[in-house]
Amino acid sequence: MLKRKAKIVLKHAPKKAHTLLDIGCGTGHFLNHFKYYGWNIYGVDESETARAFAAENFGLSIDPPKKLFEFEQAQFDAITLWHSLEHLHSLNETMSQLYKLLRKNGVLVVAVPNPASADAYYYKASWAAFDVPRHLWHFTPTTLGVLANKHGFYIKKMYPMPADAFYISILTEKQKKPSWAFVRGFIRGKLCWLTSLGNRKKSSSIIYILQKRF
């Protein structure tokens, strides 16, 4: 997945891009992978433990979230949020700031769970990706588009995250009934994955490529 994520960013970023910010970067695995492409990399994360892990294991200097509002405007060619947007307390304020931080042709890459997915439809309120109360927001392709438009972005491209249908289905089954949860979840995950092949808007999680409208 690290290689796939990096490939997506590189495909949509400007040709001469060289600066990336990863929000909610956790222990820094994605940034550590991406630094080998020769980019200048930055990361922010709320967890002091995760920041310490990134420093000790990868030599990365990760900043706390307040740093997001201290960067220079138009500093980044790419900004990524891998399953981080749904955790943000100040959603609109952060989206407005991301618009300012991106260069004119920069790309905002957002990966979030999809409550309109086939697995969410099947499991309903039991769907593990609702993850209340840690997930504060939930975005379908339609509502993510509304949020993007509100803050000056448009959805350029969507990519399904096929493995999530299996992971989330197995996790949901474990929460419902531990016995044979892996088998039941794997079967359900495969059925949901097959459904999403015909309609990516039914994918368990989706990667959105956002760019500035103006």
N, C-alpha and C. Protein backbone atom coordinates (compact mmCIF):
# COMPACT_ATOMS: atom_id res chain seq x y z
N MET A 1 0.82 -1.21 0.00
CA MET A 1 0.00 0.00 0.00
C MET A 1 0.85 1.26 0.00
N LEU A 2 2.01 1.23 0.64
CA LEU A 2 2.88 2.40 0.62
C LEU A 2 3.31 2.74 -0.80
N LYS A 3 3.66 1.72 -1.58
CA LYS A 3 4.07 1.94 -2.96
C LYS A 3 2.89 2.46 -3.78
N ARG A 4 1.70 1.89 -3.56
CA ARG A 4 0.52 2.33 -4.32
C ARG A 4 0.18 3.78 -3.99
N LYS A 5 0.22 4.12 -2.70
CA LYS A 5 -0.07 5.50 -2.30
C LYS A 5 0.93 6.47 -2.92
N ALA A 6 2.20 6.12 -2.86
CA ALA A 6 3.23 6.99 -3.42
C ALA A 6 3.03 7.15 -4.93
N LYS A 7 2.70 6.06 -5.60
CA LYS A 7 2.49 6.10 -7.05
C LYS A 7 1.35 7.04 -7.41
N ILE A 8 0.27 7.02 -6.61
CA ILE A 8 -0.87 7.90 -6.87
C ILE A 8 -0.48 9.36 -6.69
N VAL A 9 0.26 9.66 -5.63
CA VAL A 9 0.69 11.04 -5.38
C VAL A 9 1.57 11.52 -6.52
N LEU A 10 2.54 10.71 -6.90
CA LEU A 10 3.47 11.09 -7.96
C LEU A 10 2.77 11.28 -9.30
N LYS A 11 1.74 10.50 -9.54
CA LYS A 11 1.01 10.58 -10.81
C LYS A 11 0.27 11.90 -10.95
N HIS A 12 -0.28 12.41 -9.85
CA HIS A 12 -1.14 13.59 -9.93
C HIS A 12 -0.45 14.89 -9.50
N ALA A 13 0.68 14.79 -8.85
CA ALA A 13 1.40 16.00 -8.43
C ALA A 13 2.01 16.69 -9.65
N PRO A 14 2.26 18.00 -9.57
CA PRO A 14 2.92 18.71 -10.68
C PRO A 14 4.25 18.05 -11.04
N LYS A 15 4.66 18.17 -12.29
CA LYS A 15 5.86 17.47 -12.77
C LYS A 15 7.11 17.88 -12.01
N LYS A 16 7.21 19.13 -11.63
CA LYS A 16 8.40 19.60 -10.92
C LYS A 16 8.17 19.68 -9.41
N ALA A 17 7.20 18.92 -8.93
CA ALA A 17 6.87 18.94 -7.50
C ALA A 17 8.02 18.37 -6.67
N HIS A 18 8.16 18.88 -5.45
CA HIS A 18 9.25 18.39 -4.61
C HIS A 18 8.97 18.51 -3.11
N THR A 19 7.79 18.99 -2.72
CA THR A 19 7.52 19.20 -1.29
C THR A 19 6.18 18.59 -0.90
N LEU A 20 6.17 17.72 0.10
CA LEU A 20 4.97 17.01 0.54
C LEU A 20 4.74 17.16 2.03
N LEU A 21 3.47 17.31 2.40
CA LEU A 21 3.05 17.34 3.80
C LEU A 21 2.06 16.22 4.04
N ASP A 22 2.34 15.39 5.06
CA ASP A 22 1.43 14.31 5.43
C ASP A 22 0.80 14.65 6.77
N ILE A 23 -0.53 14.79 6.78
CA ILE A 23 -1.26 15.16 7.99
C ILE A 23 -1.81 13.91 8.66
N GLY A 24 -1.56 13.81 9.96
CA GLY A 24 -1.94 12.59 10.67
C GLY A 24 -1.02 11.46 10.26
N CYS A 25 0.27 11.76 10.18
CA CYS A 25 1.23 10.82 9.61
C CYS A 25 1.58 9.67 10.53
N GLY A 26 1.10 9.70 11.77
CA GLY A 26 1.34 8.59 12.68
C GLY A 26 2.81 8.34 12.92
N THR A 27 3.22 7.08 12.78
CA THR A 27 4.61 6.70 13.05
C THR A 27 5.54 6.99 11.87
N GLY A 28 5.01 7.56 10.80
CA GLY A 28 5.86 8.05 9.72
C GLY A 28 6.24 7.06 8.64
N HIS A 29 5.53 5.93 8.55
CA HIS A 29 5.90 4.92 7.56
C HIS A 29 5.76 5.44 6.12
N PHE A 30 4.68 6.17 5.84
CA PHE A 30 4.51 6.69 4.49
C PHE A 30 5.58 7.73 4.17
N LEU A 31 5.86 8.64 5.08
CA LEU A 31 6.89 9.65 4.86
C LEU A 31 8.26 9.00 4.68
N ASN A 32 8.54 7.98 5.47
CA ASN A 32 9.81 7.30 5.36
C ASN A 32 9.96 6.66 3.98
N HIS A 33 8.88 6.10 3.46
CA HIS A 33 8.92 5.52 2.12
C HIS A 33 9.08 6.62 1.07
N PHE A 34 8.38 7.72 1.25
CA PHE A 34 8.34 8.76 0.22
C PHE A 34 9.64 9.56 0.14
N LYS A 35 10.40 9.58 1.20
CA LYS A 35 11.62 10.39 1.17
C LYS A 35 12.63 9.87 0.15
N TYR A 36 12.49 8.62 -0.26
CA TYR A 36 13.43 8.05 -1.23
C TYR A 36 13.18 8.55 -2.65
N TYR A 37 12.08 9.31 -2.84
CA TYR A 37 11.84 9.90 -4.15
C TYR A 37 12.51 11.26 -4.28
N GLY A 38 13.21 11.68 -3.23
CA GLY A 38 13.98 12.92 -3.29
C GLY A 38 13.19 14.17 -2.97
N TRP A 39 12.00 14.01 -2.40
CA TRP A 39 11.18 15.17 -2.05
C TRP A 39 11.56 15.70 -0.67
N ASN A 40 11.20 16.96 -0.42
CA ASN A 40 11.24 17.52 0.93
C ASN A 40 9.95 17.08 1.61
N ILE A 41 10.06 16.44 2.75
CA ILE A 41 8.87 15.86 3.39
C ILE A 41 8.65 16.47 4.77
N TYR A 42 7.37 16.68 5.07
CA TYR A 42 6.95 17.22 6.36
C TYR A 42 5.77 16.39 6.87
N GLY A 43 5.63 16.34 8.18
CA GLY A 43 4.51 15.61 8.75
C GLY A 43 4.04 16.24 10.03
N VAL A 44 2.74 16.10 10.30
CA VAL A 44 2.17 16.53 11.59
C VAL A 44 1.34 15.40 12.15
N ASP A 45 1.39 15.25 13.46
CA ASP A 45 0.58 14.23 14.11
C ASP A 45 0.38 14.61 15.57
N GLU A 46 -0.80 14.26 16.08
CA GLU A 46 -1.15 14.64 17.45
C GLU A 46 -0.44 13.80 18.48
N SER A 47 -0.10 12.56 18.15
CA SER A 47 0.47 11.63 19.13
C SER A 47 1.95 11.88 19.37
N GLU A 48 2.28 12.20 20.61
CA GLU A 48 3.69 12.41 20.97
C GLU A 48 4.46 11.09 20.85
N THR A 49 3.79 9.99 21.17
CA THR A 49 4.42 8.67 21.07
C THR A 49 4.75 8.34 19.62
N ALA A 50 3.82 8.62 18.71
CA ALA A 50 4.05 8.35 17.28
C ALA A 50 5.18 9.23 16.76
N ARG A 51 5.21 10.47 17.17
CA ARG A 51 6.27 11.38 16.70
C ARG A 51 7.64 10.89 17.18
N ALA A 52 7.68 10.39 18.41
CA ALA A 52 8.94 9.88 18.96
C ALA A 52 9.38 8.62 18.20
N PHE A 53 8.44 7.77 17.85
CA PHE A 53 8.74 6.55 17.09
C PHE A 53 9.33 6.93 15.72
N ALA A 54 8.71 7.90 15.05
CA ALA A 54 9.19 8.33 13.74
C ALA A 54 10.61 8.89 13.82
N ALA A 55 10.89 9.61 14.88
CA ALA A 55 12.22 10.19 15.06
C ALA A 55 13.26 9.10 15.33
N GLU A 56 12.90 8.17 16.20
CA GLU A 56 13.85 7.13 16.60
C GLU A 56 14.12 6.12 15.50
N ASN A 57 13.08 5.73 14.77
CA ASN A 57 13.21 4.65 13.78
C ASN A 57 13.49 5.13 12.36
N PHE A 58 13.04 6.34 12.01
CA PHE A 58 13.20 6.82 10.64
C PHE A 58 13.97 8.12 10.53
N GLY A 59 14.31 8.71 11.67
CA GLY A 59 15.03 9.98 11.64
C GLY A 59 14.17 11.13 11.15
N LEU A 60 12.85 11.02 11.34
CA LEU A 60 11.92 12.03 10.87
C LEU A 60 11.58 13.02 11.98
N SER A 61 11.48 14.28 11.63
CA SER A 61 11.06 15.31 12.57
C SER A 61 9.59 15.64 12.31
N ILE A 62 8.71 15.10 13.13
CA ILE A 62 7.27 15.29 12.97
C ILE A 62 6.79 16.37 13.93
N ASP A 63 5.97 17.27 13.43
CA ASP A 63 5.47 18.38 14.24
C ASP A 63 4.09 18.09 14.83
N PRO A 64 3.73 18.74 15.93
CA PRO A 64 2.37 18.66 16.46
C PRO A 64 1.42 19.41 15.54
N PRO A 65 0.09 19.18 15.67
CA PRO A 65 -0.90 19.76 14.74
C PRO A 65 -0.87 21.27 14.63
N LYS A 66 -0.49 21.98 15.67
CA LYS A 66 -0.50 23.44 15.61
C LYS A 66 0.42 23.98 14.53
N LYS A 67 1.41 23.18 14.15
CA LYS A 67 2.35 23.60 13.12
C LYS A 67 1.66 23.81 11.78
N LEU A 68 0.52 23.15 11.58
CA LEU A 68 -0.22 23.25 10.33
C LEU A 68 -0.57 24.70 10.00
N PHE A 69 -0.78 25.51 11.03
CA PHE A 69 -1.16 26.90 10.83
C PHE A 69 0.03 27.85 10.91
N GLU A 70 1.23 27.27 10.88
CA GLU A 70 2.45 28.07 10.94
C GLU A 70 3.29 27.96 9.67
N PHE A 71 2.96 27.01 8.80
CA PHE A 71 3.69 26.88 7.54
C PHE A 71 3.43 28.09 6.65
N GLU A 72 4.34 28.34 5.72
CA GLU A 72 4.16 29.43 4.76
C GLU A 72 3.06 29.07 3.76
N GLN A 73 2.37 30.04 3.25
CA GLN A 73 1.35 29.80 2.24
C GLN A 73 2.01 29.34 0.94
N ALA A 74 1.27 28.49 0.21
CA ALA A 74 1.75 27.94 -1.07
C ALA A 74 3.10 27.26 -0.92
N GLN A 75 3.28 26.52 0.18
CA GLN A 75 4.56 25.87 0.45
C GLN A 75 4.64 24.45 -0.13
N PHE A 76 3.46 23.82 -0.35
CA PHE A 76 3.48 22.39 -0.68
C PHE A 76 2.91 22.08 -2.06
N ASP A 77 3.53 21.08 -2.69
CA ASP A 77 3.05 20.57 -3.98
C ASP A 77 2.02 19.47 -3.77
N ALA A 78 2.10 18.80 -2.65
CA ALA A 78 1.16 17.73 -2.35
C ALA A 78 0.92 17.67 -0.85
N ILE A 79 -0.34 17.47 -0.47
CA ILE A 79 -0.71 17.27 0.93
C ILE A 79 -1.55 16.00 0.99
N THR A 80 -1.21 15.11 1.91
CA THR A 80 -1.92 13.84 2.02
C THR A 80 -2.56 13.68 3.39
N LEU A 81 -3.75 13.07 3.39
CA LEU A 81 -4.44 12.71 4.63
C LEU A 81 -4.93 11.27 4.46
N TRP A 82 -4.15 10.32 4.97
CA TRP A 82 -4.51 8.91 4.86
C TRP A 82 -5.35 8.52 6.07
N HIS A 83 -6.65 8.49 5.88
CA HIS A 83 -7.58 8.19 6.97
C HIS A 83 -7.35 9.11 8.17
N SER A 84 -7.25 10.39 7.88
CA SER A 84 -7.06 11.41 8.92
C SER A 84 -8.18 12.43 8.95
N LEU A 85 -8.78 12.71 7.79
CA LEU A 85 -9.80 13.76 7.70
C LEU A 85 -10.96 13.50 8.65
N GLU A 86 -11.34 12.24 8.80
CA GLU A 86 -12.49 11.89 9.64
C GLU A 86 -12.22 12.11 11.13
N HIS A 87 -10.96 12.37 11.48
CA HIS A 87 -10.59 12.60 12.89
C HIS A 87 -10.48 14.07 13.26
N LEU A 88 -10.54 14.96 12.29
CA LEU A 88 -10.26 16.38 12.54
C LEU A 88 -11.38 17.06 13.33
N HIS A 89 -11.00 17.75 14.37
CA HIS A 89 -11.99 18.50 15.16
C HIS A 89 -12.37 19.79 14.45
N SER A 90 -11.40 20.48 13.88
CA SER A 90 -11.67 21.75 13.19
C SER A 90 -11.66 21.51 11.69
N LEU A 91 -12.69 20.87 11.20
CA LEU A 91 -12.73 20.42 9.81
C LEU A 91 -12.65 21.57 8.81
N ASN A 92 -13.56 22.53 8.92
CA ASN A 92 -13.61 23.63 7.96
C ASN A 92 -12.38 24.53 8.05
N GLU A 93 -11.93 24.78 9.26
CA GLU A 93 -10.74 25.62 9.42
C GLU A 93 -9.52 24.95 8.79
N THR A 94 -9.43 23.63 8.97
CA THR A 94 -8.30 22.90 8.41
C THR A 94 -8.36 22.87 6.89
N MET A 95 -9.53 22.63 6.32
CA MET A 95 -9.67 22.60 4.87
C MET A 95 -9.31 23.95 4.26
N SER A 96 -9.71 25.02 4.90
CA SER A 96 -9.36 26.36 4.41
C SER A 96 -7.85 26.57 4.45
N GLN A 97 -7.22 26.08 5.50
CA GLN A 97 -5.78 26.22 5.61
C GLN A 97 -5.05 25.38 4.56
N LEU A 98 -5.57 24.20 4.25
CA LEU A 98 -4.94 23.35 3.25
C LEU A 98 -4.97 24.02 1.89
N TYR A 99 -6.05 24.72 1.60
CA TYR A 99 -6.13 25.46 0.33
C TYR A 99 -5.01 26.49 0.26
N LYS A 100 -4.75 27.16 1.36
CA LYS A 100 -3.71 28.19 1.39
C LYS A 100 -2.31 27.58 1.28
N LEU A 101 -2.13 26.40 1.86
CA LEU A 101 -0.80 25.79 1.88
C LEU A 101 -0.40 25.17 0.55
N LEU A 102 -1.37 24.79 -0.25
CA LEU A 102 -1.08 24.17 -1.54
C LEU A 102 -0.69 25.21 -2.59
N ARG A 103 0.28 24.86 -3.42
CA ARG A 103 0.61 25.68 -4.56
C ARG A 103 -0.50 25.57 -5.60
N LYS A 104 -0.45 26.45 -6.58
CA LYS A 104 -1.55 26.57 -7.55
C LYS A 104 -1.94 25.25 -8.18
N ASN A 105 -0.98 24.47 -8.61
CA ASN A 105 -1.25 23.19 -9.27
C ASN A 105 -1.05 22.01 -8.34
N GLY A 106 -1.02 22.29 -7.04
CA GLY A 106 -0.80 21.22 -6.07
C GLY A 106 -1.97 20.26 -5.98
N VAL A 107 -1.73 19.16 -5.30
CA VAL A 107 -2.76 18.12 -5.19
C VAL A 107 -2.99 17.78 -3.73
N LEU A 108 -4.27 17.66 -3.38
CA LEU A 108 -4.68 17.24 -2.03
C LEU A 108 -5.22 15.83 -2.14
N VAL A 109 -4.59 14.89 -1.44
CA VAL A 109 -4.96 13.47 -1.51
C VAL A 109 -5.61 13.07 -0.20
N VAL A 110 -6.86 12.65 -0.27
CA VAL A 110 -7.64 12.33 0.93
C VAL A 110 -8.19 10.91 0.84
N ALA A 111 -7.87 10.09 1.82
CA ALA A 111 -8.43 8.73 1.89
C ALA A 111 -9.33 8.64 3.12
N VAL A 112 -10.58 8.23 2.90
CA VAL A 112 -11.55 8.11 3.99
C VAL A 112 -12.43 6.88 3.80
N PRO A 113 -12.99 6.35 4.90
CA PRO A 113 -13.97 5.27 4.78
C PRO A 113 -15.22 5.80 4.07
N ASN A 114 -15.95 4.88 3.44
CA ASN A 114 -17.12 5.27 2.65
C ASN A 114 -18.40 4.67 3.23
N PRO A 115 -19.22 5.46 3.93
CA PRO A 115 -20.46 4.94 4.51
C PRO A 115 -21.52 4.59 3.48
N ALA A 116 -21.24 4.85 2.20
CA ALA A 116 -22.14 4.44 1.12
C ALA A 116 -21.63 3.15 0.46
N SER A 117 -20.66 2.51 1.08
CA SER A 117 -20.06 1.30 0.51
C SER A 117 -20.96 0.09 0.65
N ALA A 118 -20.62 -0.96 -0.07
CA ALA A 118 -21.38 -2.20 -0.01
C ALA A 118 -21.31 -2.83 1.37
N ASP A 119 -20.15 -2.78 2.01
CA ASP A 119 -20.02 -3.38 3.35
C ASP A 119 -20.75 -2.54 4.40
N ALA A 120 -20.74 -1.22 4.26
CA ALA A 120 -21.50 -0.37 5.19
C ALA A 120 -22.99 -0.64 5.05
N TYR A 121 -23.44 -0.81 3.83
CA TYR A 121 -24.87 -1.11 3.59
C TYR A 121 -25.26 -2.44 4.23
N TYR A 122 -24.38 -3.42 4.16
CA TYR A 122 -24.68 -4.74 4.72
C TYR A 122 -24.67 -4.72 6.26
N TYR A 123 -23.64 -4.11 6.84
CA TYR A 123 -23.49 -4.16 8.30
C TYR A 123 -24.28 -3.07 9.03
N LYS A 124 -24.68 -2.04 8.31
CA LYS A 124 -25.47 -0.95 8.88
C LYS A 124 -24.78 -0.36 10.12
N ALA A 125 -25.46 -0.24 11.24
CA ALA A 125 -24.90 0.44 12.41
C ALA A 125 -23.70 -0.29 13.01
N SER A 126 -23.54 -1.57 12.67
CA SER A 126 -22.44 -2.36 13.21
C SER A 126 -21.13 -2.17 12.45
N TRP A 127 -21.19 -1.48 11.33
CA TRP A 127 -20.02 -1.30 10.47
C TRP A 127 -18.86 -0.71 11.26
N ALA A 128 -17.76 -1.42 11.32
CA ALA A 128 -16.64 -1.04 12.18
C ALA A 128 -16.02 0.30 11.81
N ALA A 129 -16.11 0.69 10.55
CA ALA A 129 -15.48 1.94 10.12
C ALA A 129 -16.21 3.19 10.61
N PHE A 130 -17.40 3.03 11.18
CA PHE A 130 -18.02 4.19 11.83
C PHE A 130 -17.16 4.64 13.00
N ASP A 131 -16.59 3.67 13.73
CA ASP A 131 -15.56 3.89 14.75
C ASP A 131 -15.88 5.07 15.67
N VAL A 132 -17.08 5.12 16.15
CA VAL A 132 -17.49 6.17 17.08
C VAL A 132 -16.83 5.91 18.44
N PRO A 133 -16.29 6.92 19.13
CA PRO A 133 -16.35 8.36 18.82
C PRO A 133 -15.09 8.90 18.14
N ARG A 134 -14.16 8.02 17.76
CA ARG A 134 -12.90 8.52 17.18
C ARG A 134 -13.11 9.14 15.80
N HIS A 135 -14.04 8.58 15.03
CA HIS A 135 -14.36 9.19 13.74
C HIS A 135 -15.46 10.24 13.95
N LEU A 136 -15.11 11.47 13.70
CA LEU A 136 -16.04 12.58 13.94
C LEU A 136 -16.89 12.89 12.72
N TRP A 137 -16.41 12.50 11.54
CA TRP A 137 -17.08 12.80 10.28
C TRP A 137 -17.10 11.56 9.40
N HIS A 138 -18.11 11.49 8.52
CA HIS A 138 -18.18 10.40 7.55
C HIS A 138 -18.55 10.97 6.20
N PHE A 139 -17.83 10.53 5.16
CA PHE A 139 -17.98 11.13 3.84
C PHE A 139 -18.30 10.10 2.77
N THR A 140 -19.42 10.30 2.10
CA THR A 140 -19.71 9.56 0.88
C THR A 140 -19.05 10.33 -0.27
N PRO A 141 -18.97 9.76 -1.47
CA PRO A 141 -18.44 10.54 -2.60
C PRO A 141 -19.18 11.86 -2.80
N THR A 142 -20.48 11.86 -2.55
CA THR A 142 -21.26 13.09 -2.72
C THR A 142 -20.91 14.14 -1.68
N THR A 143 -20.88 13.75 -0.41
CA THR A 143 -20.60 14.73 0.64
C THR A 143 -19.15 15.19 0.63
N LEU A 144 -18.23 14.31 0.22
CA LEU A 144 -16.84 14.74 0.10
C LEU A 144 -16.73 15.79 -1.01
N GLY A 145 -17.51 15.60 -2.07
CA GLY A 145 -17.53 16.59 -3.15
C GLY A 145 -18.06 17.93 -2.69
N VAL A 146 -19.08 17.90 -1.84
CA VAL A 146 -19.64 19.14 -1.29
C VAL A 146 -18.60 19.86 -0.44
N LEU A 147 -17.91 19.11 0.42
CA LEU A 147 -16.87 19.70 1.27
C LEU A 147 -15.76 20.30 0.42
N ALA A 148 -15.33 19.55 -0.58
CA ALA A 148 -14.26 20.03 -1.46
C ALA A 148 -14.66 21.33 -2.15
N ASN A 149 -15.85 21.36 -2.71
CA ASN A 149 -16.32 22.54 -3.42
C ASN A 149 -16.43 23.76 -2.51
N LYS A 150 -16.85 23.52 -1.28
CA LYS A 150 -16.99 24.60 -0.31
C LYS A 150 -15.67 25.31 -0.07
N HIS A 151 -14.58 24.56 -0.18
CA HIS A 151 -13.27 25.13 0.15
C HIS A 151 -12.39 25.33 -1.09
N GLY A 152 -13.01 25.39 -2.27
CA GLY A 152 -12.27 25.76 -3.47
C GLY A 152 -11.61 24.62 -4.21
N PHE A 153 -11.99 23.37 -3.88
CA PHE A 153 -11.42 22.22 -4.56
C PHE A 153 -12.47 21.52 -5.42
N TYR A 154 -12.01 20.65 -6.28
CA TYR A 154 -12.90 19.73 -7.00
C TYR A 154 -12.27 18.34 -7.02
N ILE A 155 -13.09 17.32 -7.13
CA ILE A 155 -12.59 15.94 -7.18
C ILE A 155 -12.12 15.63 -8.59
N LYS A 156 -10.84 15.43 -8.76
CA LYS A 156 -10.28 15.12 -10.07
C LYS A 156 -10.37 13.62 -10.37
N LYS A 157 -10.16 12.80 -9.35
CA LYS A 157 -10.10 11.35 -9.55
C LYS A 157 -10.42 10.64 -8.25
N MET A 158 -10.95 9.42 -8.36
CA MET A 158 -11.20 8.59 -7.18
C MET A 158 -10.56 7.22 -7.41
N TYR A 159 -9.94 6.69 -6.36
CA TYR A 159 -9.35 5.36 -6.41
C TYR A 159 -9.93 4.51 -5.27
N PRO A 160 -10.40 3.30 -5.55
CA PRO A 160 -10.88 2.43 -4.48
C PRO A 160 -9.71 1.88 -3.67
N MET A 161 -9.97 1.55 -2.43
CA MET A 161 -8.99 0.87 -1.58
C MET A 161 -9.52 -0.55 -1.33
N PRO A 162 -9.22 -1.49 -2.22
CA PRO A 162 -9.85 -2.81 -2.20
C PRO A 162 -9.61 -3.62 -0.93
N ALA A 163 -8.44 -3.47 -0.30
CA ALA A 163 -8.15 -4.27 0.88
C ALA A 163 -9.04 -3.90 2.06
N ASP A 164 -9.55 -2.68 2.08
CA ASP A 164 -10.34 -2.22 3.22
C ASP A 164 -11.64 -3.00 3.39
N ALA A 165 -12.23 -3.47 2.30
CA ALA A 165 -13.46 -4.25 2.40
C ALA A 165 -13.24 -5.50 3.24
N PHE A 166 -12.08 -6.13 3.07
CA PHE A 166 -11.74 -7.33 3.84
C PHE A 166 -11.44 -6.98 5.29
N TYR A 167 -10.58 -5.98 5.48
CA TYR A 167 -10.18 -5.59 6.83
C TYR A 167 -11.37 -5.16 7.68
N ILE A 168 -12.20 -4.28 7.12
CA ILE A 168 -13.32 -3.75 7.89
C ILE A 168 -14.38 -4.82 8.14
N SER A 169 -14.60 -5.69 7.16
CA SER A 169 -15.59 -6.77 7.35
C SER A 169 -15.13 -7.74 8.43
N ILE A 170 -13.85 -8.09 8.41
CA ILE A 170 -13.32 -8.99 9.44
C ILE A 170 -13.40 -8.34 10.82
N LEU A 171 -13.04 -7.07 10.91
CA LEU A 171 -13.10 -6.36 12.18
C LEU A 171 -14.54 -6.28 12.69
N THR A 172 -15.48 -6.01 11.79
CA THR A 172 -16.89 -5.94 12.18
C THR A 172 -17.37 -7.27 12.70
N GLU A 173 -17.00 -8.35 12.03
CA GLU A 173 -17.41 -9.69 12.47
C GLU A 173 -16.81 -10.04 13.83
N LYS A 174 -15.58 -9.61 14.08
CA LYS A 174 -14.95 -9.86 15.38
C LYS A 174 -15.71 -9.15 16.49
N GLN A 175 -16.20 -7.95 16.20
CA GLN A 175 -16.94 -7.19 17.20
C GLN A 175 -18.31 -7.80 17.46
N LYS A 176 -18.89 -8.41 16.43
CA LYS A 176 -20.21 -9.01 16.57
C LYS A 176 -20.14 -10.37 17.25
N LYS A 177 -19.22 -11.23 16.76
CA LYS A 177 -19.09 -12.59 17.27
C LYS A 177 -17.70 -13.10 16.93
N PRO A 178 -16.83 -13.27 17.91
CA PRO A 178 -15.43 -13.62 17.65
C PRO A 178 -15.22 -14.94 16.91
N SER A 179 -16.04 -15.95 17.20
CA SER A 179 -15.81 -17.26 16.58
C SER A 179 -16.03 -17.22 15.07
N TRP A 180 -15.05 -17.73 14.33
CA TRP A 180 -15.09 -17.78 12.88
C TRP A 180 -15.21 -16.39 12.23
N ALA A 181 -14.81 -15.38 12.97
CA ALA A 181 -14.95 -14.01 12.47
C ALA A 181 -14.11 -13.79 11.21
N PHE A 182 -12.91 -14.35 11.19
CA PHE A 182 -12.04 -14.13 10.04
C PHE A 182 -12.67 -14.72 8.78
N VAL A 183 -13.20 -15.92 8.89
CA VAL A 183 -13.79 -16.58 7.72
C VAL A 183 -15.02 -15.82 7.24
N ARG A 184 -15.91 -15.48 8.18
CA ARG A 184 -17.12 -14.76 7.80
C ARG A 184 -16.79 -13.39 7.20
N GLY A 185 -15.83 -12.70 7.84
CA GLY A 185 -15.44 -11.39 7.37
C GLY A 185 -14.77 -11.44 6.01
N PHE A 186 -13.95 -12.46 5.79
CA PHE A 186 -13.26 -12.59 4.51
C PHE A 186 -14.26 -12.82 3.38
N ILE A 187 -15.23 -13.69 3.63
CA ILE A 187 -16.24 -13.98 2.61
C ILE A 187 -17.06 -12.72 2.31
N ARG A 188 -17.49 -12.03 3.36
CA ARG A 188 -18.28 -10.81 3.16
C ARG A 188 -17.43 -9.74 2.47
N GLY A 189 -16.18 -9.64 2.89
CA GLY A 189 -15.29 -8.66 2.28
C GLY A 189 -15.10 -8.92 0.79
N LYS A 190 -14.99 -10.18 0.42
CA LYS A 190 -14.82 -10.50 -1.00
C LYS A 190 -16.07 -10.16 -1.80
N LEU A 191 -17.24 -10.44 -1.22
CA LEU A 191 -18.49 -10.10 -1.91
C LEU A 191 -18.61 -8.59 -2.10
N CYS A 192 -18.25 -7.84 -1.07
CA CYS A 192 -18.33 -6.38 -1.16
C CYS A 192 -17.29 -5.84 -2.14
N TRP A 193 -16.11 -6.45 -2.14
CA TRP A 193 -15.08 -6.04 -3.08
C TRP A 193 -15.52 -6.27 -4.52
N LEU A 194 -16.15 -7.43 -4.77
CA LEU A 194 -16.65 -7.72 -6.11
C LEU A 194 -17.71 -6.71 -6.53
N THR A 195 -18.56 -6.31 -5.58
CA THR A 195 -19.57 -5.29 -5.87
C THR A 195 -18.92 -3.97 -6.28
N SER A 196 -17.85 -3.62 -5.59
CA SER A 196 -17.19 -2.33 -5.87
C SER A 196 -16.45 -2.33 -7.20
N LEU A 197 -16.17 -3.50 -7.77
CA LEU A 197 -15.49 -3.55 -9.06
C LEU A 197 -16.35 -2.91 -10.15
N GLY A 198 -17.65 -3.05 -10.00
CA GLY A 198 -18.56 -2.48 -10.98
C GLY A 198 -18.94 -1.04 -10.68
N ASN A 199 -18.66 -0.61 -9.45
CA ASN A 199 -19.02 0.75 -9.05
C ASN A 199 -18.09 1.18 -7.92
N ARG A 200 -17.08 1.97 -8.25
CA ARG A 200 -16.09 2.35 -7.24
C ARG A 200 -16.69 3.18 -6.12
N LYS A 201 -17.86 3.78 -6.35
CA LYS A 201 -18.53 4.53 -5.29
C LYS A 201 -19.07 3.62 -4.21
N LYS A 202 -19.01 2.31 -4.43
CA LYS A 202 -19.42 1.32 -3.43
C LYS A 202 -18.22 0.75 -2.68
N SER A 203 -17.03 1.28 -2.94
CA SER A 203 -15.82 0.80 -2.29
C SER A 203 -15.83 1.12 -0.80
N SER A 204 -15.23 0.25 -0.02
CA SER A 204 -15.21 0.40 1.44
C SER A 204 -14.52 1.69 1.86
N SER A 205 -13.41 2.00 1.23
CA SER A 205 -12.71 3.27 1.42
C SER A 205 -12.30 3.79 0.05
N ILE A 206 -12.16 5.11 -0.04
CA ILE A 206 -11.85 5.72 -1.33
C ILE A 206 -10.74 6.76 -1.14
N ILE A 207 -9.82 6.77 -2.11
CA ILE A 207 -8.80 7.82 -2.17
C ILE A 207 -9.28 8.88 -3.16
N TYR A 208 -9.39 10.11 -2.71
CA TYR A 208 -9.85 11.22 -3.54
C TYR A 208 -8.66 12.11 -3.91
N ILE A 209 -8.58 12.45 -5.16
CA ILE A 209 -7.58 13.41 -5.63
C ILE A 209 -8.29 14.75 -5.82
N LEU A 210 -7.92 15.73 -5.02
CA LEU A 210 -8.54 17.05 -5.06
C LEU A 210 -7.55 18.08 -5.60
N GLN A 211 -8.07 18.96 -6.44
CA GLN A 211 -7.25 20.08 -6.92
C GLN A 211 -8.05 21.38 -6.80
N LYS A 212 -7.32 22.48 -6.82
CA LYS A 212 -7.94 23.78 -6.68
C LYS A 212 -8.78 24.11 -7.91
N ARG A 213 -9.95 24.70 -7.69
CA ARG A 213 -10.80 25.14 -8.80
C ARG A 213 -10.30 26.45 -9.39
N PHE A 214 -9.61 27.25 -8.59
CA PHE A 214 -9.10 28.53 -9.06
C PHE A 214 -7.92 28.96 -8.22
